Protein backbone atom coordinates (compact mmCIF):
# COMPACT_ATOMS: atom_id res chain seq x y z
CA MET A 1 25.26 48.35 209.99
CA THR A 2 22.57 46.38 211.81
CA MET A 3 23.46 43.12 213.49
CA GLN A 4 21.37 41.18 210.98
CA THR A 5 23.10 42.89 208.07
CA MET A 6 26.44 41.99 209.62
CA LEU A 7 25.39 38.37 210.08
CA ASP A 8 24.23 38.18 206.46
CA GLY A 9 27.51 39.71 205.28
CA THR A 10 29.47 37.34 207.52
CA ALA A 11 27.67 34.33 206.06
CA ALA A 12 28.68 35.44 202.57
CA PHE A 13 32.25 36.14 203.69
CA LEU A 14 32.56 32.70 205.31
CA ASP A 15 31.31 31.09 202.10
CA TYR A 16 33.93 32.94 200.06
CA LEU A 17 36.63 31.97 202.56
CA GLY A 18 35.52 28.34 202.83
CA LEU A 19 35.46 28.63 206.63
CA ASN A 20 32.79 26.64 208.46
CA GLU A 21 33.15 28.28 211.89
CA GLU A 22 31.59 31.68 212.51
CA PRO A 23 33.79 34.34 214.10
CA PHE A 24 33.49 35.43 217.70
CA GLY A 25 32.82 38.94 218.87
CA VAL A 26 34.16 40.47 222.06
CA HIS A 27 32.38 43.10 224.12
CA TYR A 28 31.99 44.38 227.68
CA ALA A 29 28.79 44.05 229.69
CA ASP A 30 27.56 44.04 233.27
CA THR A 31 25.66 40.76 232.94
CA LEU A 32 26.66 37.37 231.59
CA PRO A 33 24.91 35.52 228.76
CA GLU A 34 23.67 31.98 229.23
CA ASN A 35 26.10 29.10 228.80
CA ALA A 36 29.15 31.19 229.67
CA TYR A 37 32.49 29.62 230.61
CA GLY A 38 34.95 31.41 232.82
CA PRO A 39 37.11 31.25 235.95
CA ARG A 40 35.76 30.76 239.42
CA THR A 41 36.08 33.62 241.88
CA GLY A 42 39.65 34.00 243.12
CA VAL A 43 41.19 35.62 246.16
CA PRO A 44 41.47 39.44 245.92
CA ILE A 45 44.47 40.66 243.93
CA SER A 46 46.05 44.07 243.36
CA ARG A 47 49.45 45.73 242.97
CA GLU A 48 48.94 47.27 246.40
CA LEU A 49 48.51 43.86 248.03
CA GLU A 50 51.49 42.58 246.06
CA ASP A 51 53.71 45.48 247.14
CA ARG A 52 52.76 44.84 250.77
CA GLN A 53 53.66 41.17 250.25
CA GLU A 54 50.16 40.18 251.22
CA LEU A 55 49.44 38.05 248.16
CA ASP A 56 49.71 34.29 248.54
CA MET A 57 50.49 33.32 244.96
CA GLN A 58 49.77 29.67 245.66
CA GLU A 59 46.23 30.66 246.62
CA VAL A 60 45.98 32.97 243.61
CA MET A 61 47.02 30.21 241.22
CA LYS A 62 44.47 27.75 242.63
CA SER A 63 41.82 29.52 240.57
CA PHE A 64 43.95 29.63 237.41
CA SER A 65 41.88 29.45 234.24
CA CYS A 66 43.17 30.52 230.81
CA VAL A 67 41.08 32.93 228.74
CA MET A 68 41.95 30.89 225.65
CA GLY A 69 40.91 27.71 227.42
CA ASN A 70 37.48 29.13 228.19
CA ILE A 71 37.13 30.41 224.62
CA TRP A 72 38.02 26.90 223.44
CA LEU A 73 35.15 25.52 225.56
CA ALA A 74 32.81 28.17 224.18
CA ARG A 75 33.83 27.29 220.62
CA LYS A 76 33.23 23.58 221.16
CA LYS A 77 29.95 23.99 223.04
CA GLY A 78 28.48 26.98 221.24
CA GLY A 79 28.62 29.18 224.32
CA ALA A 80 30.44 32.26 225.55
CA ALA A 81 33.63 32.87 227.56
CA PHE A 82 34.34 35.62 230.05
CA VAL A 83 36.78 37.16 232.50
CA SER A 84 36.12 39.69 235.28
CA THR A 85 37.99 41.41 238.08
CA GLU A 86 36.89 38.84 240.66
CA GLU A 87 36.72 35.87 238.29
CA TYR A 88 40.13 36.56 236.80
CA GLY A 89 41.64 33.11 236.32
CA CYS A 90 44.88 34.34 234.74
CA LEU A 91 46.99 37.27 235.91
CA GLY A 92 47.87 38.09 232.33
CA GLY A 93 44.36 37.73 230.93
CA VAL A 94 42.81 39.95 233.59
CA TYR A 95 45.32 42.69 232.74
CA TYR A 96 45.05 42.37 228.95
CA SER A 97 41.26 42.64 229.18
CA GLY A 98 41.55 45.83 231.24
CA MET A 99 40.15 44.28 234.41
CA LEU A 100 43.25 44.79 236.57
CA LYS A 101 45.52 47.85 236.48
CA PRO A 102 48.34 48.19 237.17
CA HIS A 103 49.60 44.69 236.33
CA LEU A 104 51.12 42.49 239.01
CA ARG A 105 54.93 42.41 239.06
CA PHE A 106 54.67 38.63 239.30
CA ILE A 107 53.85 38.51 235.58
CA GLU A 108 57.11 40.24 234.69
CA HIS A 109 58.99 37.29 236.17
CA TYR A 110 56.54 34.50 235.32
CA VAL A 111 56.64 35.17 231.57
CA SER A 112 60.40 35.74 231.50
CA THR A 113 63.07 34.11 233.66
CA GLY A 114 61.26 33.40 236.91
CA PHE A 115 62.47 34.30 240.41
CA GLU A 116 66.12 33.56 241.19
CA GLY A 117 66.53 31.10 244.04
CA THR A 118 62.99 29.73 243.73
CA PRO A 119 61.46 26.77 241.87
CA LEU A 120 59.69 29.19 239.49
CA GLN A 121 61.82 29.05 236.36
CA GLY A 122 59.56 31.22 234.21
CA GLU A 123 58.09 30.61 230.75
CA ARG A 124 61.15 32.11 228.98
CA TYR A 125 59.01 33.99 226.44
CA MET A 126 60.81 37.27 227.23
CA PRO A 127 64.55 37.52 228.01
CA ASN A 128 64.20 39.23 231.40
CA PRO A 129 61.63 40.92 233.66
CA ASP A 130 62.57 44.39 232.40
CA ALA A 131 61.71 43.44 228.82
CA MET A 132 58.39 41.99 229.96
CA ARG A 133 57.65 45.14 231.97
CA ASP A 134 58.31 47.29 228.90
CA PHE A 135 55.88 45.15 226.89
CA LEU A 136 53.15 45.38 229.54
CA LEU A 137 53.52 49.16 229.83
CA GLU A 138 53.43 49.54 226.06
CA VAL A 139 50.30 47.51 225.38
CA ASN A 140 48.63 49.17 228.42
CA PRO A 141 44.94 48.31 227.81
CA ARG A 142 42.33 50.83 228.92
CA LYS A 143 40.25 50.25 232.02
CA ALA A 144 37.40 47.88 231.21
CA PRO A 145 34.08 49.66 230.52
CA GLY A 146 31.98 46.82 231.97
CA LYS A 147 31.99 44.17 234.69
CA TYR A 148 32.70 41.35 232.25
CA CYS A 149 34.81 40.97 229.12
CA ILE A 150 32.78 38.52 227.04
CA PHE A 151 33.72 36.48 223.98
CA LYS A 152 30.89 34.83 222.03
CA PRO A 153 29.84 33.86 218.49
CA LEU A 154 28.50 36.75 216.42
CA SER A 155 25.13 35.02 216.12
CA ARG A 156 24.71 35.22 219.91
CA PHE A 157 24.72 39.02 219.98
CA LYS A 158 21.26 40.32 220.83
CA ASP A 159 19.50 43.45 219.65
CA GLY A 160 21.21 46.45 221.17
CA GLU A 161 24.53 44.61 221.52
CA GLU A 162 27.47 44.89 219.18
CA PRO A 163 30.98 43.48 219.26
CA GLU A 164 33.90 45.82 219.71
CA PHE A 165 36.14 43.35 217.88
CA VAL A 166 35.59 40.37 215.59
CA ILE A 167 37.84 37.31 215.91
CA PHE A 168 38.38 34.61 213.29
CA PHE A 169 39.98 31.24 214.03
CA ALA A 170 41.63 30.02 210.85
CA ARG A 171 44.50 28.17 209.21
CA PRO A 172 46.89 29.81 206.70
CA GLU A 173 44.85 29.25 203.53
CA VAL A 174 41.86 31.06 205.03
CA LEU A 175 44.16 33.64 206.61
CA THR A 176 45.32 34.41 203.07
CA GLY A 177 41.82 35.61 202.30
CA LEU A 178 41.42 37.56 205.53
CA HIS A 179 44.81 39.25 205.19
CA THR A 180 44.25 40.19 201.56
CA GLN A 181 40.75 41.51 202.21
CA ALA A 182 42.09 43.75 204.97
CA ALA A 183 44.70 45.15 202.57
CA PHE A 184 42.14 45.57 199.77
CA THR A 185 39.80 47.38 202.14
CA THR A 186 42.34 49.77 203.62
CA GLY A 187 44.93 50.16 200.87
CA ASP A 188 47.49 50.05 203.68
CA MET A 189 50.54 47.80 203.34
CA ASP A 190 50.84 47.67 207.16
CA CYS A 191 47.19 46.94 207.85
CA VAL A 192 47.95 43.58 209.51
CA ALA A 193 50.20 43.27 212.57
CA SER A 194 51.40 40.36 214.66
CA PRO A 195 53.11 41.72 217.79
CA PHE A 196 54.32 39.56 220.66
CA GLY A 197 51.68 38.66 223.20
CA ALA A 198 49.66 35.96 224.89
CA GLY A 199 46.79 34.41 222.96
CA CYS A 200 44.31 36.80 224.55
CA THR A 201 46.63 39.81 224.15
CA ASN A 202 46.32 39.59 220.39
CA MET A 203 42.54 39.19 220.57
CA ILE A 204 41.82 42.13 222.85
CA ALA A 205 44.76 44.22 224.14
CA TRP A 206 46.62 44.83 220.87
CA PRO A 207 43.42 45.43 218.88
CA LEU A 208 42.47 47.98 221.57
CA TYR A 209 45.92 49.54 221.26
CA TYR A 210 45.45 50.21 217.55
CA LYS A 211 41.80 51.22 217.82
CA GLU A 212 42.53 53.84 220.46
CA ARG A 213 45.13 55.34 218.12
CA GLY A 214 42.62 55.57 215.29
CA VAL A 215 44.44 52.93 213.21
CA ASP A 216 42.58 50.34 211.10
CA ARG A 217 44.80 47.37 211.83
CA ALA A 218 44.06 43.66 211.99
CA VAL A 219 46.02 41.55 214.49
CA ILE A 220 47.15 37.99 213.89
CA GLY A 221 47.78 35.96 217.06
CA GLY A 222 47.95 32.48 218.46
CA PHE A 223 51.74 32.18 218.65
CA ASP A 224 51.78 31.96 222.45
CA PRO A 225 53.13 28.45 223.25
CA SER A 226 50.95 28.27 226.37
CA ALA A 227 47.80 28.92 224.33
CA ARG A 228 48.46 26.38 221.59
CA LYS A 229 46.80 23.59 223.58
CA PHE A 230 43.53 25.51 223.23
CA MET A 231 43.70 25.88 219.46
CA LYS A 232 43.47 23.53 216.53
CA THR A 233 46.68 22.36 214.92
CA ASP A 234 47.99 24.97 212.47
CA GLU A 235 45.31 27.47 213.55
CA LEU A 236 45.83 31.16 214.29
CA THR A 237 43.58 34.08 215.23
CA PHE A 238 42.74 37.12 213.14
CA THR A 239 41.11 40.04 214.97
CA VAL A 240 39.71 43.29 213.60
CA SER A 241 37.77 46.16 215.10
CA LEU A 242 34.07 46.34 214.34
CA GLY A 243 34.67 49.42 212.20
CA LEU A 244 37.27 47.71 210.03
CA TYR A 245 35.18 44.55 209.80
CA GLU A 246 32.19 46.47 208.50
CA LYS A 247 34.42 48.08 205.87
CA MET A 248 35.77 44.65 204.88
CA LEU A 249 32.24 43.32 204.40
CA ALA A 250 31.21 46.39 202.41
CA ALA A 251 34.23 45.91 200.12
CA LEU A 252 33.40 42.29 199.27
CA PRO A 253 31.54 43.02 195.99
CA GLU A 254 34.66 44.54 194.44
CA SER A 255 37.15 42.16 196.05
CA MET A 256 39.13 39.23 194.69
CA PHE A 257 36.40 36.88 195.93
CA THR A 258 33.94 38.03 193.25
CA HIS A 259 36.33 38.33 190.31
CA GLU A 260 38.52 36.01 188.25
CA THR A 261 41.59 35.94 190.48
CA ASP A 262 44.02 33.45 191.98
CA TRP A 263 41.74 33.15 195.00
CA LYS A 264 39.92 30.32 193.19
CA GLY A 265 43.07 28.23 193.40
CA VAL A 266 43.54 29.06 197.07
CA ARG A 267 39.89 28.20 197.72
CA LYS A 268 40.52 24.71 196.41
CA LYS A 269 43.38 24.36 198.87
CA VAL A 270 41.03 25.50 201.65
CA GLU A 271 38.77 22.59 200.72
CA ARG A 272 41.68 20.14 200.67
CA SER A 273 42.79 21.39 204.07
CA ALA A 274 39.30 20.91 205.51
CA LYS A 275 39.20 17.36 204.17
CA ALA A 276 42.68 16.62 205.54
CA TRP A 277 41.56 17.70 209.02
CA GLY A 278 38.19 15.94 208.80
CA GLU A 279 36.32 19.26 208.86
CA ALA A 280 34.78 19.27 205.40
CA GLU A 281 31.03 19.83 205.41
CA SER A 282 29.08 16.76 204.32
């Protein structure tokens, strides 16, 4: 499928869904696009430095910048967001995007119960460091194939570029359409997953996990409490591989969107939701 064909299909899909924001694509490249938002360069980090106790975490955290926060800027300003090995921003985000392997042990404590005897209490999203370590080793994203992991609107992909994954930002009524179309396309009752993870984990690491296993599976995310500040109220993410997305677009003519189904009633609720949030098109 050419990029223009995908954009045309996406425009039709968005119209069926009643969604007025185009999805983002994520890909890896060695150069950045214009108007890209990301972290500033941080001090060098690695497991080796951490094991030698040569990492000053206060210095590391001075360059903190959330992947979801930069995507939020890109969404509002029509730009792109990125993360790289040197411009990492977040110790979780740089791992989930495949830019840093192995992960830093610090994350095992930071996301769980902190370090005993220190002011760091931890986020309390996992019950203990061992549980967090198991999660990190399970999701285990591949090594990044490019210098930058880039998130940008589909319409900003140039000739010769293609997204590896497609990400929708949507509230439940629209998610109803996305979820059902994934099921209609695959015929698989388990075609949509929502595993634990940070906001960026469910937009890149878990989709990679399923893709590398040859599984057509969409991933719903956005449940990370730390990422909610960078999302609209009631909004979640819905991410699919490029291959699955192309199949979903190809299946539209025979889907519920083009036949007399209950989707028409849901579509009216999509419009009411947009009006309630002041997002209805004039």
